[in-house]
Amino acid sequence: MATTPSPDRRRTADEVNEEIRALWLGAGGRLRPDERRVYERLVTEWAEAEADSSPTHAA
């Protein structure tokens, strides 16, 4: 289920969101402490990916 992104490639917000959904689905709606840590890391990664895709963030 969990994937590790390649260090040279950042995942898109959609890709991270897919993993978040799979985590919740696999947990049956209730996360264990270790799953909660994974979830928090994924939400942070998702927020960064979402910010990177924002038109105002373009370099």
PDB file of N, CA and C in Angstrom:
ATOM      1  N   MET A   1       0.820  -1.184   0.000  1.00  0.00           N
ATOM      2  CA  MET A   1       0.000   0.000   0.000  1.00  0.00           C
ATOM      3  C   MET A   1       0.863   1.247   0.000  1.00  0.00           C
ATOM      4  N   ALA A   2       1.712   1.426   0.993  1.00  0.00           N
ATOM      5  CA  ALA A   2       2.528   2.628   1.075  1.00  0.00           C
ATOM      6  C   ALA A   2       3.612   2.605   0.012  1.00  0.00           C
ATOM      7  N   THR A   3       3.832   3.759  -0.542  1.00  0.00           N
ATOM      8  CA  THR A   3       4.886   3.886  -1.538  1.00  0.00           C
ATOM      9  C   THR A   3       5.902   4.888  -1.037  1.00  0.00           C
ATOM     10  N   THR A   4       7.109   4.710  -1.466  1.00  0.00           N
ATOM     11  CA  THR A   4       8.168   5.636  -1.104  1.00  0.00           C
ATOM     12  C   THR A   4       8.543   6.404  -2.346  1.00  0.00           C
ATOM     13  N   PRO A   5       8.373   7.723  -2.310  1.00  0.00           N
ATOM     14  CA  PRO A   5       8.700   8.480  -3.508  1.00  0.00           C
ATOM     15  C   PRO A   5      10.192   8.461  -3.785  1.00  0.00           C
ATOM     16  N   SER A   6      10.511   8.483  -5.050  1.00  0.00           N
ATOM     17  CA  SER A   6      11.904   8.561  -5.464  1.00  0.00           C
ATOM     18  C   SER A   6      12.460   9.908  -5.008  1.00  0.00           C
ATOM     19  N   PRO A   7      13.697   9.938  -4.499  1.00  0.00           N
ATOM     20  CA  PRO A   7      14.241  11.206  -4.014  1.00  0.00           C
ATOM     21  C   PRO A   7      14.363  12.272  -5.099  1.00  0.00           C
ATOM     22  N   ASP A   8      14.426  11.861  -6.374  1.00  0.00           N
ATOM     23  CA  ASP A   8      14.576  12.833  -7.453  1.00  0.00           C
ATOM     24  C   ASP A   8      13.244  13.224  -8.083  1.00  0.00           C
ATOM     25  N   ARG A   9      12.145  12.695  -7.588  1.00  0.00           N
ATOM     26  CA  ARG A   9      10.830  13.002  -8.149  1.00  0.00           C
ATOM     27  C   ARG A   9       9.814  13.214  -7.039  1.00  0.00           C
ATOM     28  N   ARG A  10       9.212  14.388  -7.026  1.00  0.00           N
ATOM     29  CA  ARG A  10       8.155  14.664  -6.056  1.00  0.00           C
ATOM     30  C   ARG A  10       6.835  14.190  -6.637  1.00  0.00           C
ATOM     31  N   ARG A  11       6.003  13.616  -5.788  1.00  0.00           N
ATOM     32  CA  ARG A  11       4.702  13.144  -6.242  1.00  0.00           C
ATOM     33  C   ARG A  11       3.724  14.314  -6.347  1.00  0.00           C
ATOM     34  N   THR A  12       2.726  14.131  -7.181  1.00  0.00           N
ATOM     35  CA  THR A  12       1.682  15.142  -7.305  1.00  0.00           C
ATOM     36  C   THR A  12       0.737  15.031  -6.110  1.00  0.00           C
ATOM     37  N   ALA A  13      -0.040  16.090  -5.898  1.00  0.00           N
ATOM     38  CA  ALA A  13      -1.029  16.082  -4.823  1.00  0.00           C
ATOM     39  C   ALA A  13      -2.028  14.941  -5.028  1.00  0.00           C
ATOM     40  N   ASP A  14      -2.391  14.681  -6.270  1.00  0.00           N
ATOM     41  CA  ASP A  14      -3.327  13.586  -6.553  1.00  0.00           C
ATOM     42  C   ASP A  14      -2.749  12.230  -6.171  1.00  0.00           C
ATOM     43  N   GLU A  15      -1.465  12.030  -6.446  1.00  0.00           N
ATOM     44  CA  GLU A  15      -0.822  10.759  -6.097  1.00  0.00           C
ATOM     45  C   GLU A  15      -0.788  10.567  -4.571  1.00  0.00           C
ATOM     46  N   VAL A  16      -0.454  11.621  -3.872  1.00  0.00           N
ATOM     47  CA  VAL A  16      -0.398  11.537  -2.408  1.00  0.00           C
ATOM     48  C   VAL A  16      -1.801  11.332  -1.850  1.00  0.00           C
ATOM     49  N   ASN A  17      -2.780  12.043  -2.407  1.00  0.00           N
ATOM     50  CA  ASN A  17      -4.158  11.900  -1.952  1.00  0.00           C
ATOM     51  C   ASN A  17      -4.647  10.467  -2.130  1.00  0.00           C
ATOM     52  N   GLU A  18      -4.248   9.840  -3.204  1.00  0.00           N
ATOM     53  CA  GLU A  18      -4.622   8.436  -3.439  1.00  0.00           C
ATOM     54  C   GLU A  18      -4.084   7.545  -2.310  1.00  0.00           C
ATOM     55  N   GLU A  19      -2.853   7.806  -1.885  1.00  0.00           N
ATOM     56  CA  GLU A  19      -2.284   7.012  -0.797  1.00  0.00           C
ATOM     57  C   GLU A  19      -2.993   7.301   0.533  1.00  0.00           C
ATOM     58  N   ILE A  20      -3.368   8.555   0.753  1.00  0.00           N
ATOM     59  CA  ILE A  20      -4.117   8.908   1.971  1.00  0.00           C
ATOM     60  C   ILE A  20      -5.444   8.157   1.996  1.00  0.00           C
ATOM     61  N   ARG A  21      -6.139   8.152   0.878  1.00  0.00           N
ATOM     62  CA  ARG A  21      -7.430   7.437   0.810  1.00  0.00           C
ATOM     63  C   ARG A  21      -7.247   5.938   1.065  1.00  0.00           C
ATOM     64  N   ALA A  22      -6.201   5.361   0.495  1.00  0.00           N
ATOM     65  CA  ALA A  22      -5.942   3.929   0.700  1.00  0.00           C
ATOM     66  C   ALA A  22      -5.623   3.640   2.161  1.00  0.00           C
ATOM     67  N   LEU A  23      -4.901   4.540   2.803  1.00  0.00           N
ATOM     68  CA  LEU A  23      -4.580   4.364   4.220  1.00  0.00           C
ATOM     69  C   LEU A  23      -5.857   4.337   5.052  1.00  0.00           C
ATOM     70  N   TRP A  24      -6.732   5.301   4.831  1.00  0.00           N
ATOM     71  CA  TRP A  24      -7.993   5.347   5.579  1.00  0.00           C
ATOM     72  C   TRP A  24      -8.872   4.136   5.275  1.00  0.00           C
ATOM     73  N   LEU A  25      -8.926   3.746   4.024  1.00  0.00           N
ATOM     74  CA  LEU A  25      -9.743   2.592   3.645  1.00  0.00           C
ATOM     75  C   LEU A  25      -9.229   1.328   4.317  1.00  0.00           C
ATOM     76  N   GLY A  26      -7.919   1.135   4.275  1.00  0.00           N
ATOM     77  CA  GLY A  26      -7.321  -0.042   4.896  1.00  0.00           C
ATOM     78  C   GLY A  26      -7.463  -0.058   6.407  1.00  0.00           C
ATOM     79  N   ALA A  27      -7.567   1.130   7.008  1.00  0.00           N
ATOM     80  CA  ALA A  27      -7.680   1.228   8.463  1.00  0.00           C
ATOM     81  C   ALA A  27      -9.126   1.153   8.923  1.00  0.00           C
ATOM     82  N   GLY A  28     -10.048   1.132   8.004  1.00  0.00           N
ATOM     83  CA  GLY A  28     -11.449   1.059   8.381  1.00  0.00           C
ATOM     84  C   GLY A  28     -11.943   2.319   9.085  1.00  0.00           C
ATOM     85  N   GLY A  29     -11.302   3.446   8.788  1.00  0.00           N
ATOM     86  CA  GLY A  29     -11.752   4.712   9.361  1.00  0.00           C
ATOM     87  C   GLY A  29     -11.167   5.052  10.720  1.00  0.00           C
ATOM     88  N   ARG A  30     -10.331   4.186  11.257  1.00  0.00           N
ATOM     89  CA  ARG A  30      -9.712   4.444  12.566  1.00  0.00           C
ATOM     90  C   ARG A  30      -8.229   4.105  12.477  1.00  0.00           C
ATOM     91  N   LEU A  31      -7.378   5.123  12.640  1.00  0.00           N
ATOM     92  CA  LEU A  31      -5.940   4.931  12.482  1.00  0.00           C
ATOM     93  C   LEU A  31      -5.274   4.557  13.799  1.00  0.00           C
ATOM     94  N   ARG A  32      -4.371   3.580  13.726  1.00  0.00           N
ATOM     95  CA  ARG A  32      -3.515   3.244  14.866  1.00  0.00           C
ATOM     96  C   ARG A  32      -2.442   4.319  14.972  1.00  0.00           C
ATOM     97  N   PRO A  33      -1.725   4.391  16.088  1.00  0.00           N
ATOM     98  CA  PRO A  33      -0.692   5.423  16.237  1.00  0.00           C
ATOM     99  C   PRO A  33       0.346   5.422  15.107  1.00  0.00           C
ATOM    100  N   ASP A  34       0.784   4.258  14.672  1.00  0.00           N
ATOM    101  CA  ASP A  34       1.766   4.220  13.587  1.00  0.00           C
ATOM    102  C   ASP A  34       1.148   4.698  12.275  1.00  0.00           C
ATOM    103  N   GLU A  35      -0.109   4.373  12.044  1.00  0.00           N
ATOM    104  CA  GLU A  35      -0.802   4.835  10.846  1.00  0.00           C
ATOM    105  C   GLU A  35      -1.037   6.343  10.917  1.00  0.00           C
ATOM    106  N   ARG A  36      -1.284   6.852  12.104  1.00  0.00           N
ATOM    107  CA  ARG A  36      -1.484   8.295  12.294  1.00  0.00           C
ATOM    108  C   ARG A  36      -0.212   9.052  11.897  1.00  0.00           C
ATOM    109  N   ARG A  37       0.952   8.515  12.265  1.00  0.00           N
ATOM    110  CA  ARG A  37       2.218   9.164  11.892  1.00  0.00           C
ATOM    111  C   ARG A  37       2.389   9.173  10.370  1.00  0.00           C
ATOM    112  N   VAL A  38       2.050   8.069   9.731  1.00  0.00           N
ATOM    113  CA  VAL A  38       2.118   8.002   8.265  1.00  0.00           C
ATOM    114  C   VAL A  38       1.150   9.022   7.666  1.00  0.00           C
ATOM    115  N   TYR A  39      -0.055   9.081   8.214  1.00  0.00           N
ATOM    116  CA  TYR A  39      -1.066  10.019   7.734  1.00  0.00           C
ATOM    117  C   TYR A  39      -0.568  11.466   7.842  1.00  0.00           C
ATOM    118  N   GLU A  40       0.012  11.809   8.969  1.00  0.00           N
ATOM    119  CA  GLU A  40       0.513  13.170   9.163  1.00  0.00           C
ATOM    120  C   GLU A  40       1.621  13.503   8.166  1.00  0.00           C
ATOM    121  N   ARG A  41       2.502  12.536   7.901  1.00  0.00           N
ATOM    122  CA  ARG A  41       3.558  12.751   6.906  1.00  0.00           C
ATOM    123  C   ARG A  41       2.946  12.942   5.520  1.00  0.00           C
ATOM    124  N   LEU A  42       1.939  12.129   5.199  1.00  0.00           N
ATOM    125  CA  LEU A  42       1.297  12.225   3.892  1.00  0.00           C
ATOM    126  C   LEU A  42       0.559  13.550   3.717  1.00  0.00           C
ATOM    127  N   VAL A  43      -0.105  14.018   4.762  1.00  0.00           N
ATOM    128  CA  VAL A  43      -0.821  15.292   4.667  1.00  0.00           C
ATOM    129  C   VAL A  43       0.166  16.429   4.428  1.00  0.00           C
ATOM    130  N   THR A  44       1.304  16.375   5.095  1.00  0.00           N
ATOM    131  CA  THR A  44       2.341  17.390   4.877  1.00  0.00           C
ATOM    132  C   THR A  44       2.846  17.326   3.442  1.00  0.00           C
ATOM    133  N   GLU A  45       3.106  16.111   2.954  1.00  0.00           N
ATOM    134  CA  GLU A  45       3.567  15.942   1.571  1.00  0.00           C
ATOM    135  C   GLU A  45       2.510  16.438   0.594  1.00  0.00           C
ATOM    136  N   TRP A  46       1.232  16.139   0.877  1.00  0.00           N
ATOM    137  CA  TRP A  46       0.140  16.583   0.010  1.00  0.00           C
ATOM    138  C   TRP A  46       0.084  18.110  -0.048  1.00  0.00           C
ATOM    139  N   ALA A  47       0.188  18.762   1.125  1.00  0.00           N
ATOM    140  CA  ALA A  47       0.118  20.221   1.176  1.00  0.00           C
ATOM    141  C   ALA A  47       1.258  20.850   0.382  1.00  0.00           C
ATOM    142  N   GLU A  48       2.451  20.274   0.485  1.00  0.00           N
ATOM    143  CA  GLU A  48       3.595  20.786  -0.270  1.00  0.00           C
ATOM    144  C   GLU A  48       3.380  20.605  -1.772  1.00  0.00           C
ATOM    145  N   ALA A  49       2.859  19.449  -2.152  1.00  0.00           N
ATOM    146  CA  ALA A  49       2.603  19.181  -3.572  1.00  0.00           C
ATOM    147  C   ALA A  49       1.510  20.105  -4.097  1.00  0.00           C
ATOM    148  N   GLU A  50       0.500  20.350  -3.293  1.00  0.00           N
ATOM    149  CA  GLU A  50      -0.593  21.242  -3.686  1.00  0.00           C
ATOM    150  C   GLU A  50      -0.061  22.669  -3.865  1.00  0.00           C
ATOM    151  N   ALA A  51       0.786  23.105  -2.953  1.00  0.00           N
ATOM    152  CA  ALA A  51       1.372  24.447  -3.056  1.00  0.00           C
ATOM    153  C   ALA A  51       2.259  24.550  -4.291  1.00  0.00           C
ATOM    154  N   ASP A  52       2.996  23.493  -4.583  1.00  0.00           N
ATOM    155  CA  ASP A  52       3.874  23.488  -5.756  1.00  0.00           C
ATOM    156  C   ASP A  52       3.083  23.572  -7.054  1.00  0.00           C
ATOM    157  N   SER A  53       1.869  23.059  -7.049  1.00  0.00           N
ATOM    158  CA  SER A  53       1.065  23.053  -8.276  1.00  0.00           C
ATOM    159  C   SER A  53       0.241  24.325  -8.432  1.00  0.00           C
ATOM    160  N   SER A  54       0.280  25.188  -7.422  1.00  0.00           N
ATOM    161  CA  SER A  54      -0.478  26.428  -7.454  1.00  0.00           C
ATOM    162  C   SER A  54       0.081  27.353  -8.536  1.00  0.00           C
ATOM    163  N   PRO A  55      -0.776  27.994  -9.323  1.00  0.00           N
ATOM    164  CA  PRO A  55      -0.297  28.882 -10.369  1.00  0.00           C
ATOM    165  C   PRO A  55       0.522  30.049  -9.818  1.00  0.00           C
ATOM    166  N   THR A  56       0.259  30.471  -8.602  1.00  0.00           N
ATOM    167  CA  THR A  56       1.000  31.586  -8.016  1.00  0.00           C
ATOM    168  C   THR A  56       2.383  31.173  -7.536  1.00  0.00           C
ATOM    169  N   HIS A  57       2.652  29.863  -7.529  1.00  0.00           N
ATOM    170  CA  HIS A  57       3.934  29.357  -7.073  1.00  0.00           C
ATOM    171  C   HIS A  57       4.924  29.176  -8.215  1.00  0.00           C
ATOM    172  N   ALA A  58       4.460  29.395  -9.432  1.00  0.00           N
ATOM    173  CA  ALA A  58       5.326  29.167 -10.599  1.00  0.00           C
ATOM    174  C   ALA A  58       6.579  30.035 -10.517  1.00  0.00           C
ATOM    175  N   ALA A  59       7.690  29.429 -10.917  1.00  0.00           N
ATOM    176  CA  ALA A  59       8.981  30.148 -10.841  1.00  0.00           C
ATOM    177  C   ALA A  59       9.164  31.095 -11.991  1.00  0.00           C
TER     178      ALA A  59
END
